[in-house]
Amino acid sequence: MDDQEKWCITTQQVYDWITLPLTIHRSVRLPYPQRRARDEVCGNFSELTEEFTTLWETDVENVSGTVTLSLVTGTLDDIILSINGGIVVTGNRQIFTKFFPSLSSIEIRSKSEAPVTAGRYCLELEYSLDMEEEGSNWSEDSITGDCYFSDQFGTPLDHDLIVNCDEVSHRKNITVTLRPGEKIDLQEITVRFDGFISFKFDEGNCLCVIPFCSIQKVLLCAPDGTRLNCKTLSADCFIQLVKKGNGEIHVDIELHLCQSIQVLKEVHIALNAKQCNPRRNEANHYSDKYKRKMWNQ
């Protein structure tokens, strides 16, 4: 004992430790799949007047594209171009091209006393097609594979990262009676558990990422200076495609989680001990001894 010294080590003291089962239900409406379509529309114009002539218009929403005007006679300074009901500056050359994030109508007219202008217009359009009819034919077989826990982008996560655990409010002291005449002060803690689940549907063409969240109140021995440490012991995900009476498609989600919650505090402990060296690797020692014996034979 005389050759021992006092050593100080840092470790985690466990004040409390519970296992918390969680069941989370969600029902989410699935949007009908959308397909991005592209189109090219071209045409000629001539004999413009001082009244606007409609070159193109649509009632389809979320149309974007590039508008190009090429004049055969005259210059762009001789015409007035209207996009979506607003006048657009075209310059004074013979070619105009510009991208518009939203397109609903294109009109053109000549300025007063302008020379005769003629030319060609081309539209490179992109828009979404709502595949409502395709979505109405979905069934349980439309879901490809099982659901899985992921990040917000649908990337699968390791088991230890699938559930976030955060303390979301101030702790509240609660006096609990263990037995007649024996009371103890515990802390009521509000904990938020959240994450994401993902699954594929429409023959794997569509990825759906859905957030989940559960807020729980737990009683723990958690004095000032302590922190929570959560670990996911088990996690299961179940989904089912459901058609509502109004034709909407919903996904019913059920999650079963089991969380281990520890209350920890970093502490310093003083121990009497002596420093030691790593012991000899017995396996290598006997291996070398056997080799020497074989060599001598």
C-alpha atoms as a PDB file:
ATOM      1  CA  MET A   1       0.000   0.000   0.000  1.00  0.00           C
ATOM      2  CA  ASP A   2       2.955   2.331   0.605  1.00  0.00           C
ATOM      3  CA  ASP A   3       3.816   2.492  -3.102  1.00  0.00           C
ATOM      4  CA  GLN A   4       0.319   3.613  -4.057  1.00  0.00           C
ATOM      5  CA  GLU A   5      -0.436   7.162  -5.103  1.00  0.00           C
ATOM      6  CA  LYS A   6      -3.653   9.168  -5.176  1.00  0.00           C
ATOM      7  CA  TRP A   7      -5.109   9.327  -8.680  1.00  0.00           C
ATOM      8  CA  CYS A   8      -7.996  11.491  -9.925  1.00  0.00           C
ATOM      9  CA  ILE A   9     -10.289  10.168 -12.660  1.00  0.00           C
ATOM     10  CA  THR A  10     -13.326  11.648 -14.424  1.00  0.00           C
ATOM     11  CA  THR A  11     -16.402   9.503 -14.954  1.00  0.00           C
ATOM     12  CA  GLN A  12     -20.189   9.680 -15.345  1.00  0.00           C
ATOM     13  CA  GLN A  13     -22.397   9.197 -12.308  1.00  0.00           C
ATOM     14  CA  VAL A  14     -25.818   7.698 -13.045  1.00  0.00           C
ATOM     15  CA  TYR A  15     -28.573   9.336 -10.976  1.00  0.00           C
ATOM     16  CA  ASP A  16     -31.511   7.567 -12.615  1.00  0.00           C
ATOM     17  CA  TRP A  17     -32.184   5.158 -15.475  1.00  0.00           C
ATOM     18  CA  ILE A  18     -35.502   4.188 -17.029  1.00  0.00           C
ATOM     19  CA  THR A  19     -36.811   2.417 -20.128  1.00  0.00           C
ATOM     20  CA  LEU A  20     -39.624   4.235 -21.927  1.00  0.00           C
ATOM     21  CA  PRO A  21     -41.789   2.492 -24.575  1.00  0.00           C
ATOM     22  CA  LEU A  22     -43.356   4.785 -27.190  1.00  0.00           C
ATOM     23  CA  THR A  23     -46.092   4.240 -29.759  1.00  0.00           C
ATOM     24  CA  ILE A  24     -46.615   6.938 -32.385  1.00  0.00           C
ATOM     25  CA  HIS A  25     -49.521   7.025 -34.865  1.00  0.00           C
ATOM     26  CA  ARG A  26     -49.757   9.257 -37.941  1.00  0.00           C
ATOM     27  CA  SER A  27     -52.042   9.426 -40.952  1.00  0.00           C
ATOM     28  CA  VAL A  28     -50.644  11.376 -43.895  1.00  0.00           C
ATOM     29  CA  ARG A  29     -52.332  12.253 -47.166  1.00  0.00           C
ATOM     30  CA  LEU A  30     -50.214  11.289 -50.152  1.00  0.00           C
ATOM     31  CA  PRO A  31     -50.094  13.879 -52.933  1.00  0.00           C
ATOM     32  CA  TYR A  32     -50.705  12.533 -56.382  1.00  0.00           C
ATOM     33  CA  PRO A  33     -47.456  12.068 -58.293  1.00  0.00           C
ATOM     34  CA  GLN A  34     -46.415  14.834 -60.622  1.00  0.00           C
ATOM     35  CA  ARG A  35     -44.442  14.447 -63.797  1.00  0.00           C
ATOM     36  CA  ARG A  36     -42.406  17.276 -65.282  1.00  0.00           C
ATOM     37  CA  ALA A  37     -43.201  17.720 -68.977  1.00  0.00           C
ATOM     38  CA  ARG A  38     -41.404  19.738 -71.626  1.00  0.00           C
ATOM     39  CA  ASP A  39     -42.831  21.265 -74.776  1.00  0.00           C
ATOM     40  CA  GLU A  40     -41.671  23.445 -77.626  1.00  0.00           C
ATOM     41  CA  VAL A  41     -44.144  25.780 -79.290  1.00  0.00           C
ATOM     42  CA  CYS A  42     -43.165  27.812 -82.362  1.00  0.00           C
ATOM     43  CA  GLY A  43     -45.022  29.981 -84.819  1.00  0.00           C
ATOM     44  CA  ASN A  44     -44.818  32.939 -87.194  1.00  0.00           C
ATOM     45  CA  PHE A  45     -46.290  36.418 -86.911  1.00  0.00           C
ATOM     46  CA  SER A  46     -46.741  39.264 -89.431  1.00  0.00           C
ATOM     47  CA  GLU A  47     -49.023  42.180 -90.283  1.00  0.00           C
ATOM     48  CA  LEU A  48     -49.068  43.409 -86.685  1.00  0.00           C
ATOM     49  CA  THR A  49     -51.391  46.233 -85.740  1.00  0.00           C
ATOM     50  CA  GLU A  50     -51.570  48.592 -82.780  1.00  0.00           C
ATOM     51  CA  GLU A  51     -53.874  46.068 -81.087  1.00  0.00           C
ATOM     52  CA  PHE A  52     -52.312  43.220 -79.138  1.00  0.00           C
ATOM     53  CA  THR A  53     -52.219  39.870 -80.917  1.00  0.00           C
ATOM     54  CA  THR A  54     -52.114  36.795 -78.697  1.00  0.00           C
ATOM     55  CA  LEU A  55     -49.305  34.459 -79.715  1.00  0.00           C
ATOM     56  CA  TRP A  56     -49.810  31.934 -76.900  1.00  0.00           C
ATOM     57  CA  GLU A  57     -51.762  31.512 -73.673  1.00  0.00           C
ATOM     58  CA  THR A  58     -52.574  28.731 -71.190  1.00  0.00           C
ATOM     59  CA  ASP A  59     -54.583  28.066 -68.048  1.00  0.00           C
ATOM     60  CA  VAL A  60     -52.103  25.429 -66.836  1.00  0.00           C
ATOM     61  CA  GLU A  61     -50.433  26.417 -63.562  1.00  0.00           C
ATOM     62  CA  ASN A  62     -46.698  26.458 -62.801  1.00  0.00           C
ATOM     63  CA  VAL A  63     -45.513  26.838 -66.398  1.00  0.00           C
ATOM     64  CA  SER A  64     -42.005  28.197 -66.886  1.00  0.00           C
ATOM     65  CA  GLY A  65     -39.874  28.564 -69.980  1.00  0.00           C
ATOM     66  CA  THR A  66     -37.738  30.556 -72.389  1.00  0.00           C
ATOM     67  CA  VAL A  67     -39.276  32.985 -74.884  1.00  0.00           C
ATOM     68  CA  THR A  68     -37.391  33.737 -78.111  1.00  0.00           C
ATOM     69  CA  LEU A  69     -38.403  36.278 -80.754  1.00  0.00           C
ATOM     70  CA  SER A  70     -36.573  36.454 -84.099  1.00  0.00           C
ATOM     71  CA  LEU A  71     -37.543  39.218 -86.533  1.00  0.00           C
ATOM     72  CA  VAL A  72     -37.280  38.826 -90.301  1.00  0.00           C
ATOM     73  CA  THR A  73     -38.185  42.453 -91.043  1.00  0.00           C
ATOM     74  CA  GLY A  74     -37.924  45.430 -88.730  1.00  0.00           C
ATOM     75  CA  THR A  75     -36.358  45.531 -85.259  1.00  0.00           C
ATOM     76  CA  LEU A  76     -37.544  44.812 -81.753  1.00  0.00           C
ATOM     77  CA  ASP A  77     -37.772  48.539 -81.201  1.00  0.00           C
ATOM     78  CA  ASP A  78     -40.762  48.505 -83.588  1.00  0.00           C
ATOM     79  CA  ILE A  79     -42.903  46.185 -81.410  1.00  0.00           C
ATOM     80  CA  ILE A  80     -44.289  45.978 -77.868  1.00  0.00           C
ATOM     81  CA  LEU A  81     -44.109  42.597 -76.110  1.00  0.00           C
ATOM     82  CA  SER A  82     -46.436  41.670 -73.251  1.00  0.00           C
ATOM     83  CA  ILE A  83     -45.709  38.679 -70.976  1.00  0.00           C
ATOM     84  CA  ASN A  84     -48.414  37.695 -68.475  1.00  0.00           C
ATOM     85  CA  GLY A  85     -50.088  41.068 -69.046  1.00  0.00           C
ATOM     86  CA  GLY A  86     -46.959  43.136 -68.357  1.00  0.00           C
ATOM     87  CA  ILE A  87     -44.792  45.027 -70.840  1.00  0.00           C
ATOM     88  CA  VAL A  88     -41.290  43.578 -71.304  1.00  0.00           C
ATOM     89  CA  VAL A  89     -38.283  45.556 -72.514  1.00  0.00           C
ATOM     90  CA  THR A  90     -36.913  43.833 -75.628  1.00  0.00           C
ATOM     91  CA  GLY A  91     -34.170  46.181 -76.818  1.00  0.00           C
ATOM     92  CA  ASN A  92     -33.678  47.272 -80.426  1.00  0.00           C
ATOM     93  CA  ARG A  93     -32.068  44.255 -82.056  1.00  0.00           C
ATOM     94  CA  GLN A  94     -33.655  41.504 -84.131  1.00  0.00           C
ATOM     95  CA  ILE A  95     -33.463  38.664 -81.587  1.00  0.00           C
ATOM     96  CA  PHE A  96     -34.821  38.578 -78.036  1.00  0.00           C
ATOM     97  CA  THR A  97     -34.537  35.611 -75.667  1.00  0.00           C
ATOM     98  CA  LYS A  98     -35.263  35.400 -71.952  1.00  0.00           C
ATOM     99  CA  PHE A  99     -36.293  32.827 -69.317  1.00  0.00           C
ATOM    100  CA  PHE A 100     -39.467  33.434 -67.318  1.00  0.00           C
ATOM    101  CA  PRO A 101     -40.182  31.436 -64.129  1.00  0.00           C
ATOM    102  CA  SER A 102     -43.923  31.844 -64.741  1.00  0.00           C
ATOM    103  CA  LEU A 103     -45.735  32.016 -68.076  1.00  0.00           C
ATOM    104  CA  SER A 104     -49.445  32.344 -68.797  1.00  0.00           C
ATOM    105  CA  SER A 105     -49.736  34.521 -71.922  1.00  0.00           C
ATOM    106  CA  ILE A 106     -47.652  36.165 -74.655  1.00  0.00           C
ATOM    107  CA  GLU A 107     -48.984  39.080 -76.700  1.00  0.00           C
ATOM    108  CA  ILE A 108     -47.401  41.371 -79.246  1.00  0.00           C
ATOM    109  CA  ARG A 109     -48.325  44.542 -81.171  1.00  0.00           C
ATOM    110  CA  SER A 110     -46.603  47.109 -83.320  1.00  0.00           C
ATOM    111  CA  LYS A 111     -45.861  50.653 -82.310  1.00  0.00           C
ATOM    112  CA  SER A 112     -47.700  53.451 -84.068  1.00  0.00           C
ATOM    113  CA  GLU A 113     -46.272  54.407 -87.452  1.00  0.00           C
ATOM    114  CA  ALA A 114     -43.781  51.520 -87.197  1.00  0.00           C
ATOM    115  CA  PRO A 115     -42.685  49.735 -90.379  1.00  0.00           C
ATOM    116  CA  VAL A 116     -44.111  46.335 -91.172  1.00  0.00           C
ATOM    117  CA  THR A 117     -42.552  43.708 -88.924  1.00  0.00           C
ATOM    118  CA  ALA A 118     -42.590  39.949 -89.331  1.00  0.00           C
ATOM    119  CA  GLY A 119     -40.839  37.185 -87.479  1.00  0.00           C
ATOM    120  CA  ARG A 120     -40.973  33.952 -85.571  1.00  0.00           C
ATOM    121  CA  TYR A 121     -41.465  33.053 -81.908  1.00  0.00           C
ATOM    122  CA  CYS A 122     -40.403  29.898 -80.051  1.00  0.00           C
ATOM    123  CA  LEU A 123     -41.272  28.828 -76.521  1.00  0.00           C
ATOM    124  CA  GLU A 124     -39.369  26.159 -74.594  1.00  0.00           C
ATOM    125  CA  LEU A 125     -41.838  25.260 -71.855  1.00  0.00           C
ATOM    126  CA  GLU A 126     -41.677  23.116 -68.707  1.00  0.00           C
ATOM    127  CA  TYR A 127     -44.664  22.291 -66.492  1.00  0.00           C
ATOM    128  CA  SER A 128     -46.062  19.693 -64.100  1.00  0.00           C
ATOM    129  CA  LEU A 129     -48.647  17.063 -64.967  1.00  0.00           C
ATOM    130  CA  ASP A 130     -50.934  16.052 -62.098  1.00  0.00           C
ATOM    131  CA  MET A 131     -51.300  12.278 -62.343  1.00  0.00           C
ATOM    132  CA  GLU A 132     -54.554  12.080 -60.365  1.00  0.00           C
ATOM    133  CA  GLU A 133     -55.931   9.229 -62.440  1.00  0.00           C
ATOM    134  CA  GLU A 134     -52.732   7.238 -61.926  1.00  0.00           C
ATOM    135  CA  GLY A 135     -52.842   7.897 -58.177  1.00  0.00           C
ATOM    136  CA  SER A 136     -56.443   6.707 -57.916  1.00  0.00           C
ATOM    137  CA  ASN A 137     -55.272   3.242 -59.005  1.00  0.00           C
ATOM    138  CA  TRP A 138     -52.806   2.876 -56.148  1.00  0.00           C
ATOM    139  CA  SER A 139     -53.169  -0.064 -53.805  1.00  0.00           C
ATOM    140  CA  GLU A 140     -51.176  -1.579 -50.970  1.00  0.00           C
ATOM    141  CA  ASP A 141     -48.888  -3.089 -53.612  1.00  0.00           C
ATOM    142  CA  SER A 142     -47.956   0.438 -54.713  1.00  0.00           C
ATOM    143  CA  ILE A 143     -45.649   0.758 -51.685  1.00  0.00           C
ATOM    144  CA  THR A 144     -42.232  -0.611 -52.571  1.00  0.00           C
ATOM    145  CA  GLY A 145     -40.533  -2.350 -49.632  1.00  0.00           C
ATOM    146  CA  ASP A 146     -40.909  -1.476 -45.960  1.00  0.00           C
ATOM    147  CA  CYS A 147     -40.615   1.895 -44.296  1.00  0.00           C
ATOM    148  CA  TYR A 148     -37.304   2.746 -42.670  1.00  0.00           C
ATOM    149  CA  PHE A 149     -35.857   5.415 -40.385  1.00  0.00           C
ATOM    150  CA  SER A 150     -33.949   8.127 -42.253  1.00  0.00           C
ATOM    151  CA  ASP A 151     -32.812  11.726 -42.283  1.00  0.00           C
ATOM    152  CA  GLN A 152     -34.879  14.502 -43.874  1.00  0.00           C
ATOM    153  CA  PHE A 153     -33.562  13.550 -47.307  1.00  0.00           C
ATOM    154  CA  GLY A 154     -34.567   9.873 -47.114  1.00  0.00           C
ATOM    155  CA  THR A 155     -31.055   8.539 -46.440  1.00  0.00           C
ATOM    156  CA  PRO A 156     -31.112   5.510 -44.083  1.00  0.00           C
ATOM    157  CA  LEU A 157     -29.523   6.106 -40.676  1.00  0.00           C
ATOM    158  CA  ASP A 158     -27.567   3.940 -38.290  1.00  0.00           C
ATOM    159  CA  HIS A 159     -29.598   2.548 -35.396  1.00  0.00           C
ATOM    160  CA  ASP A 160     -28.090   4.934 -32.833  1.00  0.00           C
ATOM    161  CA  LEU A 161     -29.074   8.023 -34.875  1.00  0.00           C
ATOM    162  CA  ILE A 162     -32.691   7.327 -35.851  1.00  0.00           C
ATOM    163  CA  VAL A 163     -34.348   9.185 -32.934  1.00  0.00           C
ATOM    164  CA  ASN A 164     -33.427  12.627 -31.606  1.00  0.00           C
ATOM    165  CA  CYS A 165     -33.976  13.226 -27.899  1.00  0.00           C
ATOM    166  CA  ASP A 166     -34.112  16.756 -26.454  1.00  0.00           C
ATOM    167  CA  GLU A 167     -35.218  18.292 -23.186  1.00  0.00           C
ATOM    168  CA  VAL A 168     -37.662  21.030 -24.186  1.00  0.00           C
ATOM    169  CA  SER A 169     -38.748  22.839 -21.012  1.00  0.00           C
ATOM    170  CA  HIS A 170     -37.667  23.743 -17.493  1.00  0.00           C
ATOM    171  CA  ARG A 171     -37.611  20.974 -14.944  1.00  0.00           C
ATOM    172  CA  LYS A 172     -40.281  20.977 -12.285  1.00  0.00           C
ATOM    173  CA  ASN A 173     -39.779  19.606  -8.783  1.00  0.00           C
ATOM    174  CA  ILE A 174     -42.370  17.027  -7.753  1.00  0.00           C
ATOM    175  CA  THR A 175     -42.644  15.518  -4.254  1.00  0.00           C
ATOM    176  CA  VAL A 176     -43.440  11.811  -4.417  1.00  0.00           C
ATOM    177  CA  THR A 177     -44.494   9.603  -1.499  1.00  0.00           C
ATOM    178  CA  LEU A 178     -42.754   6.234  -1.679  1.00  0.00           C
ATOM    179  CA  ARG A 179     -44.346   4.781   1.429  1.00  0.00           C
ATOM    180  CA  PRO A 180     -46.154   6.280   4.426  1.00  0.00           C
ATOM    181  CA  GLY A 181     -43.879   8.821   6.005  1.00  0.00           C
ATOM    182  CA  GLU A 182     -41.192   8.623   3.295  1.00  0.00           C
ATOM    183  CA  LYS A 183     -41.093  11.330   0.635  1.00  0.00           C
ATOM    184  CA  ILE A 184     -38.618  12.157  -2.094  1.00  0.00           C
ATOM    185  CA  ASP A 185     -38.201  15.060  -4.503  1.00  0.00           C
ATOM    186  CA  LEU A 186     -38.060  14.100  -8.183  1.00  0.00           C
ATOM    187  CA  GLN A 187     -37.945  16.235 -11.310  1.00  0.00           C
ATOM    188  CA  GLU A 188     -40.615  16.278 -14.007  1.00  0.00           C
ATOM    189  CA  ILE A 189     -38.862  16.563 -17.374  1.00  0.00           C
ATOM    190  CA  THR A 190     -40.488  17.178 -20.764  1.00  0.00           C
ATOM    191  CA  VAL A 191     -38.680  15.273 -23.503  1.00  0.00           C
ATOM    192  CA  ARG A 192     -39.179  15.567 -27.252  1.00  0.00           C
ATOM    193  CA  PHE A 193     -38.470  12.540 -29.451  1.00  0.00           C
ATOM    194  CA  ASP A 194     -38.408  13.174 -33.196  1.00  0.00           C
ATOM    195  CA  GLY A 195     -37.049  11.882 -36.472  1.00  0.00           C
ATOM    196  CA  PHE A 196     -38.048  10.844 -39.992  1.00  0.00           C
ATOM    197  CA  ILE A 197     -39.315   7.717 -41.700  1.00  0.00           C
ATOM    198  CA  SER A 198     -39.176   7.069 -45.443  1.00  0.00           C
ATOM    199  CA  PHE A 199     -40.709   4.670 -47.939  1.00  0.00           C
ATOM    200  CA  LYS A 200     -41.044   4.364 -51.700  1.00  0.00           C
ATOM    201  CA  PHE A 201     -44.239   4.023 -53.706  1.00  0.00           C
ATOM    202  CA  ASP A 202     -45.451   4.178 -57.321  1.00  0.00           C
ATOM    203  CA  GLU A 203     -43.155   1.274 -58.265  1.00  0.00           C
ATOM    204  CA  GLY A 204     -40.216   2.924 -56.537  1.00  0.00           C
ATOM    205  CA  ASN A 205     -40.459   6.128 -58.599  1.00  0.00           C
ATOM    206  CA  CYS A 206     -41.506   8.315 -55.652  1.00  0.00           C
ATOM    207  CA  LEU A 207     -39.769   8.707 -52.294  1.00  0.00           C
ATOM    208  CA  CYS A 208     -41.883   9.884 -49.380  1.00  0.00           C
ATOM    209  CA  VAL A 209     -40.185  11.294 -46.245  1.00  0.00           C
ATOM    210  CA  ILE A 210     -42.453  11.893 -43.236  1.00  0.00           C
ATOM    211  CA  PRO A 211     -41.433  13.487 -39.907  1.00  0.00           C
ATOM    212  CA  PHE A 212     -42.597  12.099 -36.579  1.00  0.00           C
ATOM    213  CA  CYS A 213     -42.596  13.572 -33.097  1.00  0.00           C
ATOM    214  CA  SER A 214     -43.667  12.606 -29.585  1.00  0.00           C
ATOM    215  CA  ILE A 215     -43.480  14.754 -26.452  1.00  0.00           C
ATOM    216  CA  GLN A 216     -43.420  12.900 -23.134  1.00  0.00           C
ATOM    217  CA  LYS A 217     -43.261  13.895 -19.474  1.00  0.00           C
ATOM    218  CA  VAL A 218     -41.114  11.674 -17.243  1.00  0.00           C
ATOM    219  CA  LEU A 219     -40.317  11.701 -13.510  1.00  0.00           C
ATOM    220  CA  LEU A 220     -36.633  11.241 -12.793  1.00  0.00           C
ATOM    221  CA  CYS A 221     -34.056  11.925 -10.160  1.00  0.00           C
ATOM    222  CA  ALA A 222     -32.386  14.771 -12.033  1.00  0.00           C
ATOM    223  CA  PRO A 223     -30.856  17.436  -9.755  1.00  0.00           C
ATOM    224  CA  ASP A 224     -29.192  20.570 -11.101  1.00  0.00           C
ATOM    225  CA  GLY A 225     -26.112  19.919 -13.194  1.00  0.00           C
ATOM    226  CA  THR A 226     -27.318  16.618 -14.645  1.00  0.00           C
ATOM    227  CA  ARG A 227     -28.106  15.870 -18.282  1.00  0.00           C
ATOM    228  CA  LEU A 228     -30.190  13.328 -20.173  1.00  0.00           C
ATOM    229  CA  ASN A 229     -28.651  10.594 -22.279  1.00  0.00           C
ATOM    230  CA  CYS A 230     -31.065   8.741 -24.571  1.00  0.00           C
ATOM    231  CA  LYS A 231     -30.462   5.552 -26.514  1.00  0.00           C
ATOM    232  CA  THR A 232     -32.780   3.724 -28.888  1.00  0.00           C
ATOM    233  CA  LEU A 233     -33.084   0.104 -27.806  1.00  0.00           C
ATOM    234  CA  SER A 234     -35.553  -0.951 -30.499  1.00  0.00           C
ATOM    235  CA  ALA A 235     -37.476   0.727 -33.324  1.00  0.00           C
ATOM    236  CA  ASP A 236     -40.116  -0.710 -35.658  1.00  0.00           C
ATOM    237  CA  CYS A 237     -42.123   0.951 -38.407  1.00  0.00           C
ATOM    238  CA  PHE A 238     -45.395  -0.190 -40.004  1.00  0.00           C
ATOM    239  CA  ILE A 239     -47.284   1.502 -42.870  1.00  0.00           C
ATOM    240  CA  GLN A 240     -50.507   0.817 -44.730  1.00  0.00           C
ATOM    241  CA  LEU A 241     -52.054   2.525 -47.745  1.00  0.00           C
ATOM    242  CA  VAL A 242     -55.694   3.544 -47.115  1.00  0.00           C
ATOM    243  CA  LYS A 243     -58.239   4.964 -49.578  1.00  0.00           C
ATOM    244  CA  LYS A 244     -60.655   7.419 -47.999  1.00  0.00           C
ATOM    245  CA  GLY A 245     -64.286   7.817 -49.031  1.00  0.00           C
ATOM    246  CA  ASN A 246     -63.546  11.089 -50.831  1.00  0.00           C
ATOM    247  CA  GLY A 247     -60.930   9.390 -53.019  1.00  0.00           C
ATOM    248  CA  GLU A 248     -57.896  10.713 -51.144  1.00  0.00           C
ATOM    249  CA  ILE A 249     -54.987   8.342 -50.574  1.00  0.00           C
ATOM    250  CA  HIS A 250     -53.605   8.230 -47.021  1.00  0.00           C
ATOM    251  CA  VAL A 251     -50.750   6.329 -45.410  1.00  0.00           C
ATOM    252  CA  ASP A 252     -51.373   5.134 -41.856  1.00  0.00           C
ATOM    253  CA  ILE A 253     -48.106   4.968 -39.925  1.00  0.00           C
ATOM    254  CA  GLU A 254     -47.440   3.213 -36.637  1.00  0.00           C
ATOM    255  CA  LEU A 255     -44.075   3.422 -34.879  1.00  0.00           C
ATOM    256  CA  HIS A 256     -42.983   1.344 -31.886  1.00  0.00           C
ATOM    257  CA  LEU A 257     -39.936   2.720 -30.089  1.00  0.00           C
ATOM    258  CA  CYS A 258     -38.158   1.755 -26.898  1.00  0.00           C
ATOM    259  CA  GLN A 259     -35.934   4.417 -25.376  1.00  0.00           C
ATOM    260  CA  SER A 260     -33.351   4.081 -22.634  1.00  0.00           C
ATOM    261  CA  ILE A 261     -33.066   7.343 -20.670  1.00  0.00           C
ATOM    262  CA  GLN A 262     -30.211   7.973 -18.258  1.00  0.00           C
ATOM    263  CA  VAL A 263     -29.624  10.942 -15.978  1.00  0.00           C
ATOM    264  CA  LEU A 264     -25.868  11.588 -15.895  1.00  0.00           C
ATOM    265  CA  LYS A 265     -23.445  13.994 -14.293  1.00  0.00           C
ATOM    266  CA  GLU A 266     -19.700  14.245 -14.762  1.00  0.00           C
ATOM    267  CA  VAL A 267     -17.885  13.660 -11.465  1.00  0.00           C
ATOM    268  CA  HIS A 268     -14.274  13.357 -10.297  1.00  0.00           C
ATOM    269  CA  ILE A 269     -13.189  10.443  -8.137  1.00  0.00           C
ATOM    270  CA  ALA A 270      -9.963  10.158  -6.133  1.00  0.00           C
ATOM    271  CA  LEU A 271      -8.467   6.644  -5.884  1.00  0.00           C
ATOM    272  CA  ASN A 272      -5.420   5.176  -4.208  1.00  0.00           C
ATOM    273  CA  ALA A 273      -3.582   3.095  -6.805  1.00  0.00           C
ATOM    274  CA  LYS A 274      -0.190   2.445  -8.316  1.00  0.00           C
ATOM    275  CA  GLN A 275       0.796   2.774 -11.917  1.00  0.00           C
ATOM    276  CA  CYS A 276       1.319  -0.504 -13.756  1.00  0.00           C
ATOM    277  CA  ASN A 277       2.568  -1.562 -17.160  1.00  0.00           C
ATOM    278  CA  PRO A 278       0.612  -3.689 -19.634  1.00  0.00           C
ATOM    279  CA  ARG A 279       1.119  -7.383 -18.943  1.00  0.00           C
ATOM    280  CA  ARG A 280       3.053  -9.493 -21.377  1.00  0.00           C
ATOM    281  CA  ASN A 281       1.063 -10.993 -24.235  1.00  0.00           C
ATOM    282  CA  GLU A 282       0.980 -14.612 -23.097  1.00  0.00           C
ATOM    283  CA  ALA A 283      -0.084 -15.889 -26.499  1.00  0.00           C
ATOM    284  CA  ASN A 284       2.972 -14.401 -28.212  1.00  0.00           C
ATOM    285  CA  HIS A 285       5.210 -15.545 -25.342  1.00  0.00           C
ATOM    286  CA  TYR A 286       4.201 -19.199 -25.729  1.00  0.00           C
ATOM    287  CA  SER A 287       4.285 -18.940 -29.520  1.00  0.00           C
ATOM    288  CA  ASP A 288       7.906 -17.731 -29.459  1.00  0.00           C
ATOM    289  CA  LYS A 289       8.834 -20.450 -26.939  1.00  0.00           C
ATOM    290  CA  TYR A 290       7.287 -23.139 -29.205  1.00  0.00           C
ATOM    291  CA  LYS A 291       9.164 -21.832 -32.239  1.00  0.00           C
ATOM    292  CA  ARG A 292      12.511 -21.964 -30.380  1.00  0.00           C
ATOM    293  CA  LYS A 293      11.805 -25.534 -29.272  1.00  0.00           C
ATOM    294  CA  MET A 294      10.979 -26.633 -32.832  1.00  0.00           C
ATOM    295  CA  TRP A 295      14.163 -24.997 -34.133  1.00  0.00           C
ATOM    296  CA  ASN A 296      16.293 -26.811 -31.577  1.00  0.00           C
ATOM    297  CA  GLN A 297      14.786 -30.142 -32.670  1.00  0.00           C
END
